[in-house]
């Protein structure tokens, strides 16, 4: 999954807390939201306010939770594990370890393998496989 596809999927699955998301979808989403946060901080500095970052961040709260839950589902963990982020430092370390792990091969209790449905790089550009 490429950058643009990951961002589109993040918004298309805005309230989807039930499927699976592959590593690339998750990490491209993290990159995108980080870039938006940086842009918001630049706007805050230029306008001497905090409103820009707050306004830019609000639309990303729910889909960020959703993609984190779907990423946990990909490694066959329940979405409730996202609550471990409430434990300072240790929670973040545990989630990072979970998020960098490869998802389970094939279907699991949360759905089909998101990588199994992806077209090959040649198929993405219309070339024969």
Protein backbone atom coordinates (compact mmCIF):
# COMPACT_ATOMS: atom_id res chain seq x y z
CA UNK A 1 0.00 0.00 0.00
CA UNK A 2 1.37 3.38 -0.98
CA UNK A 3 1.19 6.70 0.84
CA UNK A 4 -1.85 8.04 -1.01
CA UNK A 5 -3.73 4.75 -0.71
CA UNK A 6 -3.06 4.63 3.02
CA UNK A 7 -4.39 8.15 3.57
CA UNK A 8 -7.46 7.45 1.43
CA UNK A 9 -8.07 4.23 3.37
CA UNK A 10 -7.69 6.07 6.67
CA UNK A 11 -10.46 8.49 5.75
CA UNK A 12 -12.62 5.86 4.00
CA UNK A 13 -12.52 3.71 7.15
CA UNK A 14 -13.06 6.71 9.46
CA UNK A 15 -15.30 4.85 11.93
CA UNK A 16 -14.18 1.29 11.13
CA UNK A 17 -12.92 -0.34 14.32
CA UNK A 18 -13.50 -3.92 13.17
CA UNK A 19 -11.21 -4.83 10.24
CA UNK A 20 -7.43 -5.16 9.90
CA UNK A 21 -4.78 -2.67 8.71
CA UNK A 22 -1.32 -3.62 7.47
CA UNK A 23 1.87 -2.00 8.73
CA UNK A 24 2.30 0.27 5.72
CA UNK A 25 -1.23 1.65 6.09
CA UNK A 26 -0.62 2.39 9.77
CA UNK A 27 2.84 3.93 9.41
CA UNK A 28 1.89 6.05 6.38
CA UNK A 29 -1.04 7.35 8.42
CA UNK A 30 1.33 8.18 11.30
CA UNK A 31 3.63 10.00 8.86
CA UNK A 32 0.72 11.96 7.39
CA UNK A 33 -0.67 13.02 10.77
CA UNK A 34 2.84 13.99 11.90
CA UNK A 35 3.25 16.20 8.82
CA UNK A 36 -0.15 17.79 9.52
CA UNK A 37 0.92 18.43 13.13
CA UNK A 38 4.16 20.05 11.95
CA UNK A 39 2.20 22.26 9.55
CA UNK A 40 -0.12 23.18 12.41
CA UNK A 41 2.81 24.09 14.64
CA UNK A 42 4.29 26.27 11.90
CA UNK A 43 0.89 27.96 11.57
CA UNK A 44 0.77 28.47 15.32
CA UNK A 45 4.18 30.15 15.32
CA UNK A 46 3.36 32.36 12.34
CA UNK A 47 0.00 33.45 13.75
CA UNK A 48 1.05 33.49 17.43
CA UNK A 49 -1.82 31.19 18.41
CA UNK A 50 -2.52 27.58 19.28
CA UNK A 51 -5.76 27.40 17.33
CA UNK A 52 -4.25 26.22 14.04
CA UNK A 53 -2.86 22.98 15.46
CA UNK A 54 -6.05 22.27 17.39
CA UNK A 55 -8.25 22.83 14.32
CA UNK A 56 -6.01 20.68 12.11
CA UNK A 57 -5.77 17.87 14.68
CA UNK A 58 -9.46 17.41 15.48
CA UNK A 59 -10.46 15.54 12.29
CA UNK A 60 -7.68 12.97 12.89
CA UNK A 61 -8.60 11.81 16.41
CA UNK A 62 -11.20 9.16 15.55
CA UNK A 63 -9.52 7.74 12.43
CA UNK A 64 -6.20 7.53 14.31
CA UNK A 65 -7.84 5.46 17.05
CA UNK A 66 -9.59 3.35 14.42
CA UNK A 67 -6.41 2.60 12.48
CA UNK A 68 -4.58 1.75 15.72
CA UNK A 69 -7.33 -0.73 16.62
CA UNK A 70 -7.28 -2.21 13.11
CA UNK A 71 -3.48 -2.53 13.31
CA UNK A 72 -3.82 -4.42 16.60
CA UNK A 73 -6.40 -6.66 14.94
CA UNK A 74 -3.85 -7.45 12.21
CA UNK A 75 -1.54 -8.99 14.82
CA UNK A 76 -4.55 -10.84 16.31
CA UNK A 77 -4.84 -8.64 19.39
CA UNK A 78 -8.02 -7.07 20.65
CA UNK A 79 -8.46 -3.34 20.14
CA UNK A 80 -8.67 -2.84 23.89
CA UNK A 81 -4.87 -3.01 23.91
CA UNK A 82 -4.91 0.60 22.67
CA UNK A 83 -5.80 1.59 26.25
CA UNK A 84 -2.32 0.58 27.38
CA UNK A 85 -1.24 3.92 25.94
CA UNK A 86 -2.66 5.42 29.16
CA UNK A 87 0.28 3.88 31.04
CA UNK A 88 3.14 6.38 30.67
CA UNK A 89 6.24 5.24 28.74
CA UNK A 90 5.59 1.49 29.10
CA UNK A 91 2.31 1.73 27.22
CA UNK A 92 3.94 3.55 24.31
CA UNK A 93 6.77 1.01 24.16
CA UNK A 94 4.35 -1.93 24.14
CA UNK A 95 2.24 -0.38 21.37
CA UNK A 96 5.28 0.43 19.22
CA UNK A 97 6.43 -3.18 19.54
CA UNK A 98 2.95 -4.37 18.55
CA UNK A 99 2.69 -1.93 15.63
CA UNK A 100 6.02 -2.91 14.06
CA UNK A 101 5.22 -6.63 14.16
CA UNK A 102 4.12 -8.36 10.98
CA UNK A 103 0.42 -9.19 10.91
CA UNK A 104 -0.85 -12.74 11.07
CA UNK A 105 -0.73 -14.54 7.74
CA UNK A 106 -4.12 -15.35 6.29
CA UNK A 107 -7.43 -14.67 7.97
CA UNK A 108 -7.68 -14.31 11.73
CA UNK A 109 -10.62 -13.70 14.08
CA UNK A 110 -10.77 -10.05 12.92
CA UNK A 111 -10.99 -10.66 9.19
CA UNK A 112 -9.04 -11.35 6.04
CA UNK A 113 -5.33 -10.66 5.65
CA UNK A 114 -5.07 -7.08 4.27
CA UNK A 115 -1.92 -8.01 2.35
CA UNK A 116 -3.60 -10.92 0.58
CA UNK A 117 -6.02 -8.54 -1.15
CA UNK A 118 -3.35 -6.09 -2.34
CA UNK A 119 -2.45 -6.15 -6.04
CA UNK A 120 1.17 -6.71 -6.98
CA UNK A 121 3.19 -3.60 -7.97
CA UNK A 122 2.85 -4.59 -11.63
CA UNK A 123 -0.93 -4.92 -11.35
CA UNK A 124 -1.22 -1.46 -9.78
CA UNK A 125 0.01 0.09 -13.01
CA UNK A 126 -2.01 -2.10 -15.34
CA UNK A 127 0.87 -4.33 -16.45
CA UNK A 128 0.26 -8.07 -16.64
CA UNK A 129 1.32 -9.98 -13.53
